[in-house]
Protein backbone atom coordinates (compact mmCIF):
# COMPACT_ATOMS: atom_id res chain seq x y z
CA MET A 1 -14.74 31.51 -6.18
CA GLN A 2 -11.06 30.72 -6.98
CA PHE A 3 -9.79 27.18 -7.37
CA TYR A 4 -6.25 25.71 -6.84
CA ASN A 5 -5.40 25.55 -10.52
CA PHE A 6 -2.53 27.90 -11.64
CA LEU A 7 -0.29 28.40 -14.65
CA TYR A 8 2.74 30.81 -14.18
CA GLN A 9 4.57 32.19 -17.23
CA HIS A 10 7.32 34.82 -17.01
CA GLY A 11 10.64 34.93 -18.80
CA HIS A 12 12.28 31.45 -18.87
CA ILE A 13 10.13 30.33 -15.90
CA ALA A 14 6.92 28.37 -16.81
CA PHE A 15 5.06 25.78 -14.78
CA SER A 16 1.60 24.71 -13.61
CA GLN A 17 0.39 23.70 -10.21
CA TYR A 18 -2.90 22.30 -9.00
CA ILE A 19 -4.83 20.43 -6.28
CA TYR A 20 -7.38 18.05 -7.23
CA ARG A 21 -9.60 15.23 -6.05
CA ILE A 22 -8.51 12.03 -7.83
CA GLY A 23 -11.56 10.93 -9.74
CA THR A 24 -11.85 9.47 -13.14
CA TYR A 25 -9.29 6.83 -14.00
CA HIS A 26 -7.67 8.44 -17.04
CA TYR A 27 -4.55 7.22 -18.88
CA ASN A 28 -2.43 10.12 -20.07
CA TRP A 29 1.06 11.21 -20.92
CA HIS A 30 2.55 14.70 -21.47
CA PRO A 31 5.87 16.30 -22.12
CA GLU A 32 6.33 17.64 -18.57
CA ILE A 33 7.86 16.21 -15.53
CA GLU A 34 5.08 15.40 -13.01
CA VAL A 35 5.49 15.82 -9.20
CA LEU A 36 2.47 14.36 -7.34
CA LEU A 37 2.06 14.64 -3.62
CA VAL A 38 -0.73 12.88 -1.94
CA LEU A 39 -2.37 15.24 0.62
CA GLN A 40 -5.04 12.73 1.89
CA GLY A 41 -6.46 9.35 1.11
CA ALA A 42 -4.58 6.61 -0.85
CA VAL A 43 -3.87 6.16 -4.65
CA GLU A 44 -2.65 3.54 -7.03
CA VAL A 45 -0.42 4.82 -9.84
CA CYS A 46 -0.04 2.71 -12.83
CA HIS A 47 3.05 3.61 -14.95
CA ASP A 48 5.49 2.05 -17.32
CA ASN A 49 5.59 -1.56 -16.43
CA GLU A 50 4.56 -1.43 -12.75
CA TYR A 51 2.17 0.12 -10.36
CA THR A 52 2.91 2.07 -7.13
CA ASN A 53 0.57 2.59 -3.98
CA LEU A 54 0.84 5.94 -2.21
CA GLY A 55 -0.57 7.16 1.03
CA PRO A 56 -0.70 10.67 2.77
CA ASP A 57 2.53 12.71 2.39
CA ASP A 58 3.86 10.35 -0.33
CA PHE A 59 5.55 11.63 -3.53
CA ILE A 60 5.84 10.15 -7.00
CA ILE A 61 7.90 11.91 -9.59
CA LEU A 62 7.39 10.79 -13.07
CA PRO A 63 9.61 11.71 -16.20
CA PRO A 64 8.26 13.26 -19.42
CA GLN A 65 6.19 11.15 -21.78
CA CYS A 66 5.63 8.50 -19.06
CA GLY A 67 2.10 6.97 -19.57
CA HIS A 68 0.28 6.82 -16.21
CA ALA A 69 -3.10 6.58 -14.71
CA THR A 70 -4.30 7.06 -11.07
CA LEU A 71 -6.93 5.27 -9.18
CA ALA A 72 -8.19 6.58 -5.75
CA LEU A 73 -8.38 3.68 -3.26
CA GLU A 74 -10.34 5.80 -0.72
CA PRO A 75 -13.00 8.20 -0.99
CA ASP A 76 -12.04 11.97 -1.16
CA THR A 77 -8.42 11.31 -2.09
CA ILE A 78 -6.66 14.54 -2.85
CA ALA A 79 -3.24 15.40 -4.42
CA MET A 80 -1.20 18.38 -5.31
CA VAL A 81 0.54 18.30 -8.61
CA LEU A 82 3.47 20.27 -10.20
CA HIS A 83 4.10 20.14 -14.00
CA LEU A 84 7.34 21.48 -15.33
CA HIS A 85 9.15 21.24 -18.68
CA PRO A 86 12.45 19.17 -18.24
CA GLN A 87 14.16 22.22 -19.74
CA MET A 88 13.56 23.87 -16.42
CA LEU A 89 16.03 21.42 -14.94
CA ALA A 90 18.30 21.03 -17.92
CA GLN A 91 19.28 24.87 -18.00
CA TYR A 92 20.86 24.31 -14.68
CA ASP A 93 22.25 20.67 -15.16
CA LYS A 94 22.81 19.48 -18.61
CA GLU A 95 22.29 15.86 -17.42
CA PHE A 96 18.53 16.40 -17.61
CA ARG A 97 18.57 17.25 -21.33
CA GLN A 98 18.11 13.58 -22.12
CA SER A 99 18.17 11.54 -18.89
CA SER A 100 15.05 9.79 -17.44
CA PHE A 101 14.18 8.81 -13.89
CA PHE A 102 11.60 7.54 -11.47
CA LEU A 103 11.10 8.27 -7.81
CA ALA A 104 8.47 7.28 -5.31
CA THR A 105 8.46 7.48 -1.46
CA ASP A 106 7.41 4.68 0.92
CA GLU A 107 7.26 4.25 4.65
CA MET A 108 10.96 4.16 4.97
CA THR A 109 11.70 7.37 2.84
CA ARG A 110 8.53 9.38 3.26
CA TYR A 111 9.90 11.78 5.83
CA ASP A 112 13.58 12.13 4.65
CA SER A 113 14.70 15.68 4.86
CA GLY A 114 14.81 16.20 1.06
CA TYR A 115 11.06 15.29 0.86
CA ASP A 116 10.12 17.29 3.91
CA LYS A 117 11.73 20.33 2.13
CA LEU A 118 9.87 19.67 -1.11
CA ARG A 119 6.54 19.38 0.67
CA THR A 120 7.17 22.80 2.36
CA GLN A 121 8.32 24.45 -0.82
CA LEU A 122 5.35 23.18 -2.90
CA SER A 123 2.94 24.37 -0.26
CA GLU A 124 4.60 27.76 -0.08
CA LEU A 125 4.53 28.07 -3.94
CA MET A 126 0.81 27.25 -3.90
CA ARG A 127 0.23 29.95 -1.20
CA GLN A 128 2.02 32.62 -3.25
CA LEU A 129 0.05 31.65 -6.37
CA ALA A 130 -3.19 31.94 -4.51
CA LYS A 131 -2.43 35.53 -3.67
CA HIS A 132 -3.18 36.44 -7.31
CA LYS A 133 -6.95 36.90 -6.99
CA VAL A 134 -9.23 36.64 -9.99
CA ASP A 135 -12.69 38.48 -10.44
CA GLU A 136 -14.51 35.43 -11.97
CA VAL A 137 -14.21 31.76 -11.92
CA THR A 138 -11.99 30.35 -14.67
CA THR A 139 -10.77 26.86 -15.53
CA ILE A 140 -7.27 28.00 -14.92
CA ASN A 141 -5.73 30.95 -13.24
CA VAL A 142 -2.91 32.25 -15.49
CA VAL A 143 -0.33 34.42 -13.57
CA GLU A 144 1.69 36.37 -16.07
CA GLU A 145 2.90 39.38 -14.17
CA PRO A 146 6.34 38.96 -12.52
CA ASP A 147 6.31 37.72 -8.95
CA ILE A 148 9.71 37.44 -7.29
CA ALA A 149 8.22 35.44 -4.41
CA ILE A 150 6.79 32.85 -6.72
CA GLU A 151 9.99 32.61 -8.71
CA ARG A 152 12.13 32.29 -5.53
CA GLU A 153 10.14 29.30 -4.35
CA PHE A 154 10.11 27.61 -7.72
CA LEU A 155 13.87 27.96 -8.14
CA GLY A 156 14.24 26.42 -4.62
CA ILE A 157 12.10 23.59 -5.81
CA LEU A 158 14.22 23.06 -8.99
CA HIS A 159 17.29 22.86 -6.66
CA CYS A 160 15.45 20.28 -4.43
CA LEU A 161 14.40 18.26 -7.42
CA ILE A 162 17.83 18.07 -8.96
CA ASP A 163 19.29 16.87 -5.57
CA LEU A 164 16.66 14.11 -5.43
CA LEU A 165 16.53 12.97 -9.06
CA LYS A 166 20.21 13.23 -10.09
CA PRO A 167 21.18 10.00 -8.05
CA VAL A 168 18.42 8.00 -9.84
CA SER A 169 18.70 9.44 -13.24
CA TYR A 170 19.85 7.32 -16.33
CA MET A 171 20.20 7.53 -20.04
CA PRO A 172 17.18 5.72 -21.66
CA GLN A 173 17.80 3.56 -24.63
CA GLY A 174 15.03 5.10 -26.89
CA ASN A 175 14.49 4.50 -30.58
CA PRO A 176 12.02 5.29 -33.36
CA VAL A 177 10.37 1.95 -32.88
CA ALA A 178 9.56 2.69 -29.26
CA LEU A 179 7.91 6.03 -30.29
CA GLN A 180 5.77 4.18 -32.82
CA GLN A 181 4.74 1.70 -30.30
CA ALA A 182 3.80 4.50 -27.85
CA ALA A 183 1.53 6.00 -30.54
CA THR A 184 -0.14 2.69 -31.24
CA PHE A 185 -0.66 2.21 -27.50
CA GLU A 186 -2.47 5.65 -27.41
CA LYS A 187 -4.89 4.44 -30.02
CA MET A 188 -5.59 1.23 -28.08
CA ILE A 189 -6.17 3.20 -24.85
CA THR A 190 -8.47 5.78 -26.54
CA TYR A 191 -10.64 2.91 -27.91
CA ILE A 192 -10.89 1.38 -24.37
CA ASP A 193 -11.73 4.81 -22.77
CA GLN A 194 -14.67 5.17 -25.20
CA HIS A 195 -15.97 1.69 -25.10
CA TYR A 196 -15.12 0.39 -21.50
CA LYS A 197 -18.84 0.15 -20.41
CA GLU A 198 -19.41 -2.31 -23.34
CA PRO A 199 -18.09 -5.92 -23.55
CA LEU A 200 -14.56 -5.72 -24.61
CA THR A 201 -12.25 -8.38 -25.85
CA LEU A 202 -8.44 -8.42 -26.14
CA GLY A 203 -8.91 -9.37 -29.86
CA GLU A 204 -10.67 -6.12 -30.52
CA ILE A 205 -7.72 -4.15 -29.02
CA ALA A 206 -5.07 -6.41 -30.69
CA ASP A 207 -6.77 -5.63 -33.97
CA ILE A 208 -6.45 -1.81 -33.44
CA GLY A 209 -2.66 -2.16 -32.98
CA GLY A 210 -2.28 -4.80 -35.70
CA TYR A 211 -0.98 -7.30 -33.23
CA THR A 212 -1.76 -10.85 -32.34
CA GLU A 213 -3.63 -11.28 -28.93
CA SER A 214 -0.67 -12.85 -27.35
CA TYR A 215 1.67 -10.02 -28.27
CA ALA A 216 -1.05 -7.32 -27.58
CA SER A 217 -1.45 -8.85 -24.04
CA GLN A 218 2.41 -8.60 -23.40
CA PHE A 219 2.53 -5.22 -25.03
CA PHE A 220 -0.22 -3.78 -22.75
CA LYS A 221 1.39 -5.04 -19.52
CA ARG A 222 4.86 -3.74 -20.68
CA GLN A 223 3.44 -0.39 -21.35
CA LEU A 224 1.35 0.23 -18.16
CA GLY A 225 2.29 -2.50 -15.66
CA ILE A 226 -1.13 -4.16 -15.58
CA SER A 227 -3.00 -6.38 -17.99
CA PHE A 228 -5.64 -5.32 -20.46
CA LYS A 229 -8.18 -7.00 -18.21
CA ALA A 230 -7.05 -5.22 -15.18
CA TYR A 231 -7.02 -1.77 -16.84
CA VAL A 232 -10.71 -2.28 -18.09
CA LEU A 233 -11.62 -3.28 -14.70
CA ARG A 234 -10.17 -0.24 -13.15
CA MET A 235 -12.02 2.06 -15.64
CA ARG A 236 -15.25 0.49 -14.70
CA LEU A 237 -14.53 0.65 -11.00
CA ARG A 238 -13.68 4.33 -11.18
CA GLU A 239 -16.81 5.21 -13.08
CA ALA A 240 -18.91 3.22 -10.55
CA ALA A 241 -17.19 5.13 -7.75
CA VAL A 242 -18.07 8.41 -9.26
CA GLN A 243 -21.59 7.36 -9.82
CA LEU A 244 -21.99 6.18 -6.27
CA VAL A 245 -20.99 9.50 -4.95
CA ASN A 246 -22.84 11.74 -7.49
CA THR A 247 -26.04 9.91 -8.18
CA LYS A 248 -28.77 8.13 -6.27
CA GLN A 249 -28.96 5.20 -8.65
CA GLN A 250 -29.37 1.72 -7.31
CA ILE A 251 -26.19 -0.29 -6.99
CA VAL A 252 -27.41 -2.92 -9.31
CA ASP A 253 -28.09 -0.33 -12.01
CA ILE A 254 -24.62 1.25 -11.52
CA ALA A 255 -23.01 -2.12 -11.91
CA ASN A 256 -24.88 -2.78 -15.10
CA GLU A 257 -24.22 0.64 -16.52
CA CYS A 258 -20.53 0.46 -15.83
CA GLY A 259 -20.11 -2.83 -17.72
CA PHE A 260 -20.21 -5.55 -14.93
CA SER A 261 -21.73 -8.88 -15.79
CA ASP A 262 -23.79 -8.86 -12.54
CA VAL A 263 -24.03 -7.08 -9.20
CA LYS A 264 -22.22 -9.94 -7.44
CA ALA A 265 -19.16 -9.47 -9.68
CA PHE A 266 -19.21 -5.73 -9.12
CA ASN A 267 -19.48 -6.02 -5.37
CA THR A 268 -16.61 -8.49 -5.36
CA ALA A 269 -14.26 -6.34 -7.49
CA PHE A 270 -15.22 -3.21 -5.60
CA ARG A 271 -14.34 -4.68 -2.18
CA LYS A 272 -11.12 -6.12 -3.41
CA HIS A 273 -9.95 -2.66 -4.73
CA PHE A 274 -11.42 -0.31 -2.26
CA HIS A 275 -11.57 -2.59 0.94
CA THR A 276 -15.02 -1.58 1.41
CA THR A 277 -18.58 -2.22 0.01
CA PRO A 278 -20.18 0.15 -2.54
CA THR A 279 -22.80 0.90 0.13
CA GLU A 280 -20.34 1.89 2.74
CA TYR A 281 -18.25 3.77 0.14
CA ARG A 282 -21.29 5.83 -0.79
CA GLN A 283 -22.06 6.64 2.90
CA VAL A 284 -18.56 7.84 3.59
CA ALA A 285 -18.22 9.93 0.44
CA GLY A 286 -21.60 11.43 1.08
CA LYS A 287 -20.47 13.04 4.40
CA VAL A 288 -17.76 15.04 2.48
CA GLU A 289 -18.67 18.56 1.63
CA ARG A 290 -16.19 20.25 -0.50
CA HIS A 291 -16.26 23.10 -3.13
CA THR A 292 -14.83 21.73 -6.42
CA MET A 293 -14.78 22.60 -10.10
CA MET A 294 -14.65 19.98 -12.95
CA ASP A 295 -12.61 20.72 -16.00
CA ASN A 296 -11.11 18.20 -18.59
CA TRP A 297 -11.77 15.22 -16.21
CA LYS A 298 -10.12 16.94 -13.20
CA GLU A 299 -11.93 18.04 -10.05
CA TYR A 300 -9.99 21.12 -8.70
CA ILE A 301 -10.25 22.11 -5.03
CA ALA A 302 -11.32 25.69 -4.01
CA VAL A 303 -8.70 27.91 -2.48
CA ASP A 304 -10.83 28.47 0.53
CA ASP A 305 -11.09 24.81 1.39
CA ALA A 306 -10.36 24.90 5.26
CA GLY A 307 -9.13 21.24 5.54
CA ILE A 308 -6.71 21.49 2.54
CA ASN A 309 -5.45 24.82 3.75
CA GLU A 310 -4.71 23.39 7.14
CA ARG A 311 -2.72 20.54 5.49
CA LEU A 312 -0.72 22.97 3.51
CA GLU A 313 0.10 24.97 6.58
CA THR A 314 1.19 21.96 8.41
CA TYR A 315 3.79 21.28 5.73
CA ARG A 316 5.05 24.84 5.97
CA LYS A 317 5.32 24.61 9.67
CA ASN A 318 7.10 21.26 9.83
CA THR A 319 10.19 22.38 8.01
CA THR A 320 10.16 25.80 9.67
CA GLU A 321 10.46 24.13 12.99
CA ASN A 322 12.77 21.48 11.52
CA GLU A 323 12.75 19.38 14.69
CA ALA A 324 9.71 17.29 14.37
CA THR A 325 10.11 13.63 15.16
CA PRO A 326 8.70 11.11 12.66
CA THR A 327 5.65 10.59 14.87
CA ASP A 328 5.02 14.30 14.78
CA LYS A 329 4.82 14.23 10.91
CA GLY A 330 2.00 12.94 8.69
CA ALA A 331 -1.56 13.04 8.99
CA HIS A 332 -1.89 11.58 12.47
CA PRO A 333 0.46 11.00 15.41
CA MET A 334 0.93 7.46 16.40
CA SER A 335 -1.23 6.19 19.27
CA GLU A 336 -2.58 2.87 20.36
CA SER A 337 -5.48 3.36 17.97
CA SER A 338 -3.32 4.51 15.05
CA SER A 339 -0.90 1.77 15.61
CA ALA A 340 -3.83 -0.74 15.33
CA ASP A 341 -4.78 1.11 12.04
CA ALA A 342 -1.22 0.62 10.88
CA GLU A 343 -1.43 -2.99 11.46
CA LEU A 344 -4.70 -3.12 9.57
CA VAL A 345 -3.11 -1.25 6.59
CA ALA A 346 -0.21 -3.64 6.69
CA ALA A 347 -2.53 -6.69 6.59
CA ARG A 348 -4.61 -5.04 3.77
CA GLU A 349 -1.41 -4.54 1.82
CA GLN A 350 -0.35 -8.19 2.26
CA LEU A 351 -3.90 -9.16 1.10
CA ARG A 352 -3.60 -6.88 -1.93
CA LEU A 353 -0.21 -8.31 -2.91
CA ALA A 354 -1.60 -11.83 -2.61
CA LEU A 355 -4.60 -10.98 -4.81
CA ALA A 356 -2.23 -9.22 -7.24
CA THR A 357 -0.17 -12.41 -7.59
CA LEU A 358 -3.48 -14.32 -8.07
CA ASP A 359 -4.50 -11.92 -10.79
CA GLU A 360 -1.14 -12.34 -12.60
CA ILE A 361 -1.65 -16.16 -12.48
CA LEU A 362 -5.24 -15.85 -13.91
CA ASP A 363 -4.19 -13.35 -16.54
CA LYS A 364 -1.49 -15.80 -18.03
């Protein structure tokens, strides 16, 4: 069986592209630009000094070395990702040699023509990559032979990215101190990733960085946009969500194993972040049947997945027709029921913002 996880290398063109189910809450950074498109579900992306919520068809484009972590807010949340080195853009526009940027869509910009075009191009690029069959299951499919169709699509994506990113690009005020702080933060995050199931204090983390607790608290929020306490909570919640889906353990045992003080605290936190109970989450996730492959904390989707392939085909058709109205696009056309759903989503977002404000007050 083949999975949507490809690396293309030929001449001056190199990139990777994959489709995965957003699972473990994992803080990471890398030297490539990341383009993430949500195919289904909902996801929270923590990055720099803030966090962004995304729904189906939304994009987030992160610059190189931007620390970030993703948390699926619904079961079976799936995204398509493209990684490319900034030199891929810089060779066509020198502004990208040193500039930084950030871009994310919302309900107002989601279906702008530039993003419609990018969704189509990414879908077609993945289709061309999937034509390169492999005889055995591998963690990544490396395509090294020249393919003009792949390179044509990739160059079109570069053109589209330059058009989208250039208006929001800027020259960062970087310095060696900032680089040292990033390395220190990496050590702090690594320690949390290894010990989040245990009782953790801000003092322990501050000691790792050589900071006072007060400075460590500010430093953490400045780096990732959420507090130390909020990051640990997300780590525990994500692990609990994985265990709810993949084990038959009692909920009280999962809560205890994932570091919660008691099952009541677990249920309260779970409902706040996922808008459902652990029992309901397990029931919904248990109905999903999907061929996947785990590798280095990512769960890749099989290339013969009917639902995902239908989604990709929808993106390709949308721009080909080029006359779809906003209600024709996205996962569902608007109807009375979907309008009610939209109102519910809006209400949930208002509640989330209110809770986030309360979190900030409690964290101070």
